[in-house]
N, C-alpha and C. Protein backbone atom coordinates (compact mmCIF):
# COMPACT_ATOMS: atom_id res chain seq x y z
N MET A 1 1.00 -1.25 -0.13
CA MET A 1 0.29 -0.17 -0.05
C MET A 1 1.04 1.53 0.13
N TYR A 2 1.78 1.45 0.81
CA TYR A 2 2.93 2.42 0.87
C TYR A 2 3.43 2.81 -0.39
N ARG A 3 3.66 1.78 -1.15
CA ARG A 3 4.84 2.23 -2.31
C ARG A 3 3.45 2.65 -3.72
N ILE A 4 2.07 2.12 -3.47
CA ILE A 4 1.43 2.64 -4.25
C ILE A 4 0.83 3.83 -3.90
N VAL A 5 0.69 4.30 -2.68
CA VAL A 5 0.33 5.78 -2.47
C VAL A 5 1.57 6.35 -2.92
N LYS A 6 2.87 6.27 -2.47
CA LYS A 6 4.13 6.90 -3.07
C LYS A 6 4.12 7.35 -4.56
N GLU A 7 3.83 6.15 -5.13
CA GLU A 7 4.01 6.38 -7.02
C GLU A 7 2.45 7.44 -6.94
N SER A 8 1.75 7.15 -6.57
CA SER A 8 0.57 7.83 -6.86
C SER A 8 0.30 9.15 -6.62
N TYR A 9 1.23 9.43 -5.44
CA TYR A 9 1.59 10.66 -4.97
C TYR A 9 2.11 11.75 -5.70
N ASN A 10 3.35 10.97 -6.40
CA ASN A 10 4.57 11.58 -7.33
C ASN A 10 3.89 11.49 -8.32
N ASN A 11 3.01 11.13 -8.78
CA ASN A 11 2.10 11.12 -10.23
C ASN A 11 0.90 12.16 -10.27
N PHE A 12 0.59 12.22 -8.84
CA PHE A 12 -0.42 13.53 -8.58
C PHE A 12 0.41 15.02 -8.62
N LYS A 13 1.37 14.89 -7.90
CA LYS A 13 2.26 16.32 -7.98
C LYS A 13 2.91 16.32 -9.50
N ASP A 14 3.00 15.55 -10.10
CA ASP A 14 3.67 15.75 -11.77
C ASP A 14 2.44 16.46 -12.56
N ASP A 15 1.46 15.84 -12.05
CA ASP A 15 0.20 16.53 -12.94
C ASP A 15 0.07 17.89 -12.64
N PHE A 16 0.73 18.31 -11.43
CA PHE A 16 0.37 19.92 -11.39
C PHE A 16 1.66 20.44 -11.75
N LEU A 17 2.75 19.95 -11.60
CA LEU A 17 4.17 20.64 -12.16
C LEU A 17 3.79 20.78 -13.68
N GLU A 18 3.42 19.45 -14.31
CA GLU A 18 3.67 19.88 -16.16
C GLU A 18 2.63 20.59 -15.89
N SER A 19 1.51 21.06 -15.64
CA SER A 19 0.40 21.96 -16.13
C SER A 19 0.52 23.46 -15.30
N ASN A 20 1.86 23.47 -14.71
CA ASN A 20 2.08 24.51 -13.94
C ASN A 20 1.12 25.21 -13.31
N THR A 21 0.16 24.60 -12.54
CA THR A 21 -0.68 25.02 -11.28
C THR A 21 -0.51 24.78 -10.16
N ARG A 22 0.84 25.07 -9.60
CA ARG A 22 1.41 24.76 -8.05
C ARG A 22 0.63 25.58 -7.41
N GLU A 23 0.05 26.70 -7.61
CA GLU A 23 -1.05 27.25 -6.51
C GLU A 23 -2.29 26.59 -6.21
N ASP A 24 -2.90 25.72 -7.15
CA ASP A 24 -3.89 25.04 -6.84
C ASP A 24 -4.41 24.98 -5.74
N PHE A 25 -5.48 24.71 -4.75
CA PHE A 25 -5.72 24.38 -3.62
C PHE A 25 -5.00 22.96 -3.32
N ARG A 26 -5.59 21.89 -4.26
CA ARG A 26 -5.47 20.27 -3.91
C ARG A 26 -3.62 20.25 -3.81
N TYR A 27 -3.20 20.75 -4.92
CA TYR A 27 -1.58 20.87 -5.01
C TYR A 27 -1.05 21.36 -3.56
N ARG A 28 -1.53 22.48 -2.89
CA ARG A 28 -0.84 22.95 -1.86
C ARG A 28 -1.15 22.37 -0.72
N ILE A 29 -2.36 21.74 -0.50
CA ILE A 29 -2.51 20.63 0.74
C ILE A 29 -2.23 19.54 0.69
N MET A 30 -1.57 18.89 -0.50
CA MET A 30 -0.66 17.77 -0.59
C MET A 30 0.77 17.99 -0.61
N LYS A 31 1.40 19.08 -0.74
CA LYS A 31 2.52 19.15 -0.71
C LYS A 31 3.07 18.84 0.33
N PRO A 32 2.72 19.19 1.63
CA PRO A 32 3.64 18.40 2.58
C PRO A 32 3.78 17.00 3.01
N PHE A 33 2.99 16.36 1.99
CA PHE A 33 2.58 15.01 2.35
C PHE A 33 3.92 14.27 1.86
N GLU A 34 5.10 14.93 1.17
CA GLU A 34 6.09 14.59 0.66
C GLU A 34 7.16 13.68 1.70
N ILE A 35 6.74 14.75 2.95
CA ILE A 35 7.97 14.26 4.00
C ILE A 35 7.61 12.57 4.33
N ILE A 36 6.41 12.11 4.05
CA ILE A 36 6.19 10.76 4.48
C ILE A 36 6.93 9.81 3.77
N PHE A 37 7.49 10.61 2.68
CA PHE A 37 8.12 9.10 1.67
C PHE A 37 9.72 9.50 1.78
N ASP A 38 10.00 10.10 2.63
CA ASP A 38 11.44 10.36 2.82
C ASP A 38 11.80 10.16 4.61
N PRO A 39 12.05 8.91 4.84
CA PRO A 39 12.30 9.03 6.29
C PRO A 39 13.38 10.10 6.70
N ASN A 40 14.27 10.23 6.16
CA ASN A 40 15.04 11.28 6.82
C ASN A 40 14.41 12.81 6.66
N GLN A 41 13.89 12.95 5.65
CA GLN A 41 13.06 14.41 5.81
C GLN A 41 12.16 14.50 6.82
N TRP A 42 11.35 13.21 7.20
CA TRP A 42 10.33 13.19 8.08
C TRP A 42 10.96 13.36 9.58
N GLU A 43 12.14 12.85 9.83
CA GLU A 43 12.99 13.14 10.81
C GLU A 43 13.33 14.45 11.16
N LYS A 44 13.83 15.32 10.29
CA LYS A 44 14.27 16.89 10.23
C LYS A 44 12.96 17.56 10.40
N GLU A 45 12.06 17.39 9.96
CA GLU A 45 10.80 18.13 9.73
C GLU A 45 10.37 17.62 11.48
N LYS A 46 10.22 16.62 11.76
CA LYS A 46 9.67 16.38 13.48
C LYS A 46 10.62 17.03 14.37
N ALA A 47 11.83 17.05 14.09
CA ALA A 47 12.49 17.60 15.04
C ALA A 47 12.40 19.14 15.06
N SER A 48 12.33 19.62 14.14
CA SER A 48 12.02 21.25 14.12
C SER A 48 10.53 21.38 14.01
N GLU A 49 9.60 20.27 14.47
CA GLU A 49 7.96 20.65 14.34
C GLU A 49 7.76 21.67 13.13
N SER A 50 7.91 21.38 12.22
CA SER A 50 7.66 22.32 10.94
C SER A 50 6.40 22.46 10.73
N ASP A 51 5.75 23.45 9.79
CA ASP A 51 4.56 23.60 9.50
C ASP A 51 4.11 22.44 8.62
N GLN A 52 5.05 21.88 7.70
CA GLN A 52 4.60 20.90 7.08
C GLN A 52 4.38 19.66 7.86
N PHE A 53 5.42 19.37 8.77
CA PHE A 53 5.36 18.52 9.94
C PHE A 53 3.88 18.29 10.57
N LYS A 54 3.50 19.70 10.73
CA LYS A 54 2.45 19.37 11.78
C LYS A 54 1.08 19.33 11.27
N LYS A 55 1.07 19.65 9.62
CA LYS A 55 0.04 19.13 8.54
C LYS A 55 -0.22 18.14 8.67
N VAL A 56 0.96 17.47 8.15
CA VAL A 56 1.00 15.76 8.06
C VAL A 56 0.26 15.32 9.23
N SER A 57 1.11 15.24 10.27
CA SER A 57 0.73 14.79 11.73
C SER A 57 -0.62 14.88 12.06
N ASP A 58 -1.14 16.12 12.10
CA ASP A 58 -2.74 16.39 12.24
C ASP A 58 -3.32 15.67 11.57
N PHE A 59 -3.25 15.71 9.98
CA PHE A 59 -4.27 14.73 9.53
C PHE A 59 -3.98 13.17 9.66
N LEU A 60 -2.92 12.83 9.96
CA LEU A 60 -2.48 11.04 10.62
C LEU A 60 -3.01 11.02 11.89
N TYR A 61 -3.34 11.91 12.75
CA TYR A 61 -4.13 11.67 13.95
C TYR A 61 -5.62 11.68 13.67
N TYR A 62 -5.99 12.72 12.94
CA TYR A 62 -7.22 12.73 12.63
C TYR A 62 -7.78 11.38 12.01
N ILE A 63 -7.06 10.83 10.94
CA ILE A 63 -7.63 9.60 10.41
C ILE A 63 -7.62 8.64 11.36
N ASP A 64 -6.27 8.44 12.20
CA ASP A 64 -6.22 7.21 13.23
C ASP A 64 -7.76 7.36 14.25
N LYS A 65 -7.79 8.29 14.65
CA LYS A 65 -8.97 8.59 15.49
C LYS A 65 -10.45 8.51 14.93
N ASN A 66 -10.50 8.16 13.51
CA ASN A 66 -11.90 8.36 13.02
C ASN A 66 -11.50 6.93 12.03
N ILE A 67 -10.74 6.07 12.27
CA ILE A 67 -10.68 4.90 11.46
C ILE A 67 -11.89 4.26 11.16
N LEU A 68 -12.84 4.24 11.93
CA LEU A 68 -14.20 3.63 11.83
C LEU A 68 -14.94 4.33 10.27
N GLU A 69 -14.57 5.36 10.15
CA GLU A 69 -15.40 5.98 9.10
C GLU A 69 -14.29 5.97 8.04
N PHE A 70 -13.10 5.67 8.16
CA PHE A 70 -12.09 5.94 7.07
C PHE A 70 -11.23 4.38 7.13
N PRO A 71 -11.86 3.43 7.07
CA PRO A 71 -11.61 2.14 7.05
C PRO A 71 -10.24 1.78 5.98
N ARG A 72 -10.24 2.12 4.82
CA ARG A 72 -9.50 2.23 3.72
C ARG A 72 -8.01 2.62 4.23
N PHE A 73 -7.78 3.21 5.24
CA PHE A 73 -6.51 4.07 5.45
C PHE A 73 -5.91 2.88 6.64
N LYS A 74 -6.63 1.99 7.08
CA LYS A 74 -6.01 1.17 8.35
C LYS A 74 -4.57 0.59 7.75
N VAL A 75 -4.11 0.03 6.71
CA VAL A 75 -3.29 -0.81 6.12
C VAL A 75 -2.05 0.35 6.04
N PHE A 76 -2.85 1.53 5.22
CA PHE A 76 -1.59 2.72 4.95
C PHE A 76 -1.10 3.27 6.57
N LEU A 77 -2.06 3.28 7.03
CA LEU A 77 -1.39 4.09 8.78
C LEU A 77 -0.43 2.96 9.50
N ARG A 78 -1.02 1.39 9.48
CA ARG A 78 -0.19 0.42 9.87
C ARG A 78 1.34 0.50 9.28
N GLU A 79 1.31 1.01 7.88
CA GLU A 79 2.56 0.79 6.97
C GLU A 79 3.59 1.83 7.54
N LEU A 80 2.99 2.89 7.82
CA LEU A 80 3.27 4.44 8.43
C LEU A 80 4.26 4.32 9.42
N ASP A 81 3.33 3.38 10.76
CA ASP A 81 3.67 3.07 11.72
C ASP A 81 4.88 2.41 11.79
N SER A 82 4.87 1.38 11.21
CA SER A 82 6.28 0.83 10.81
C SER A 82 7.35 1.06 10.33
N ARG A 83 7.43 2.52 10.01
CA ARG A 83 8.35 3.09 9.84
C ARG A 83 8.35 4.58 10.40
N ASP A 84 7.83 4.38 11.67
CA ASP A 84 7.94 5.25 12.79
C ASP A 84 7.39 7.02 12.55
N ILE A 85 6.23 6.69 11.38
CA ILE A 85 5.45 7.78 11.31
C ILE A 85 4.21 7.71 11.54
N LYS A 86 4.24 8.75 12.78
CA LYS A 86 2.52 8.69 13.64
C LYS A 86 2.11 9.93 13.44
N GLY A 87 0.78 10.06 13.89
CA GLY A 87 0.15 11.24 13.79
C GLY A 87 0.35 11.71 15.34
N LYS A 88 -0.03 13.29 15.26
CA LYS A 88 -0.28 13.96 16.62
C LYS A 88 -1.02 15.21 16.24
N LYS A 89 -2.30 15.33 17.24
CA LYS A 89 -2.97 16.44 17.06
C LYS A 89 -2.26 18.06 17.13
N TYR A 90 -2.68 18.82 16.30
CA TYR A 90 -2.18 20.04 16.34
C TYR A 90 -3.05 21.13 15.83
N SER A 91 -4.18 20.34 15.25
CA SER A 91 -5.34 21.64 15.04
C SER A 91 -4.71 22.35 14.13
N VAL A 92 -3.99 22.14 12.98
CA VAL A 92 -3.80 23.21 11.93
C VAL A 92 -4.52 22.95 10.60
N LEU A 93 -5.49 21.94 10.66
CA LEU A 93 -5.83 21.84 9.27
C LEU A 93 -7.39 22.07 9.79
N CYS A 94 -8.17 22.84 8.56
CA CYS A 94 -9.57 23.18 8.92
C CYS A 94 -10.33 21.89 8.12
N GLU A 95 -11.27 21.63 8.60
CA GLU A 95 -12.24 20.50 7.92
C GLU A 95 -12.31 20.32 6.35
N GLU A 96 -12.33 21.50 5.74
CA GLU A 96 -12.28 21.45 4.30
C GLU A 96 -10.92 21.22 3.74
N GLU A 97 -9.96 21.18 4.35
CA GLU A 97 -8.63 20.65 4.05
C GLU A 97 -8.73 19.24 4.44
N LYS A 98 -9.09 18.67 5.38
CA LYS A 98 -9.15 17.20 5.82
C LYS A 98 -9.84 16.63 4.62
N GLU A 99 -11.19 17.00 4.11
CA GLU A 99 -12.07 16.33 3.58
C GLU A 99 -11.21 16.41 2.18
N GLU A 100 -10.93 16.94 1.44
CA GLU A 100 -10.12 17.17 0.30
C GLU A 100 -8.68 16.00 0.51
N ILE A 101 -8.10 16.60 1.30
CA ILE A 101 -7.22 15.38 1.65
C ILE A 101 -7.71 13.53 1.67
N VAL A 102 -8.63 13.52 2.05
CA VAL A 102 -8.95 12.41 2.40
C VAL A 102 -9.63 12.02 0.74
N LYS A 103 -10.25 12.54 0.28
CA LYS A 103 -10.70 12.12 -1.18
C LYS A 103 -9.51 11.97 -1.70
N ILE A 104 -8.50 12.66 -2.04
CA ILE A 104 -7.45 12.76 -2.50
C ILE A 104 -6.67 10.96 -2.28
N PHE A 105 -6.38 10.75 -1.01
CA PHE A 105 -5.98 9.93 -0.51
C PHE A 105 -6.84 8.38 -1.26
N LYS A 106 -8.12 8.54 -1.08
CA LYS A 106 -8.86 7.56 -1.61
C LYS A 106 -8.57 7.13 -3.20
N MET A 107 -8.58 8.37 -3.99
CA MET A 107 -8.13 8.09 -5.32
C MET A 107 -6.95 7.47 -5.71
N PHE A 108 -5.88 7.53 -4.38
CA PHE A 108 -4.45 7.01 -4.46
C PHE A 108 -4.97 5.74 -4.28
N PHE A 109 -5.58 5.08 -3.36
CA PHE A 109 -5.98 3.80 -2.89
C PHE A 109 -6.90 3.06 -3.92
N SER A 110 -7.53 3.93 -4.99
CA SER A 110 -8.22 3.34 -6.16
C SER A 110 -7.46 3.32 -7.13
N LEU A 111 -6.36 3.67 -7.17
CA LEU A 111 -5.18 3.49 -8.04
C LEU A 111 -5.83 4.74 -9.30
N THR A 112 -6.39 5.68 -8.88
CA THR A 112 -6.67 6.82 -9.77
C THR A 112 -5.50 7.40 -10.47
N TYR A 113 -4.34 7.55 -9.66
CA TYR A 113 -3.04 8.25 -10.05
C TYR A 113 -2.18 7.38 -10.47
N TRP A 114 -2.50 5.87 -10.51
CA TRP A 114 -1.18 4.88 -10.61
C TRP A 114 -1.24 4.83 -12.31
N HIS A 115 0.08 5.02 -12.81
CA HIS A 115 0.23 4.94 -14.30
C HIS A 115 1.36 3.81 -14.47
């Protein structure tokens, strides 16, 4: 699951880079998630408690606490946990951002961005 999401994330990001639409809401809310695919970057951002880290961590915490509502995330969260990537509540994401991020991850899980 982790590999599928990682490659889907890269394809998603590339679509925005190719079309030069980096200011798009969906691109901006997903940009911080690049750190979950680079363990060294995750540790660096975690140590400094960067905004990027807080956004990702806040989302992972939200999903974990609502896993019954989002059962497709269970395996992915377990794989992140095995890489010592865990969520923590920071309350930095608004509901609109959380909802859109969930939609995008569901597209990753359903292979929409798998090329």
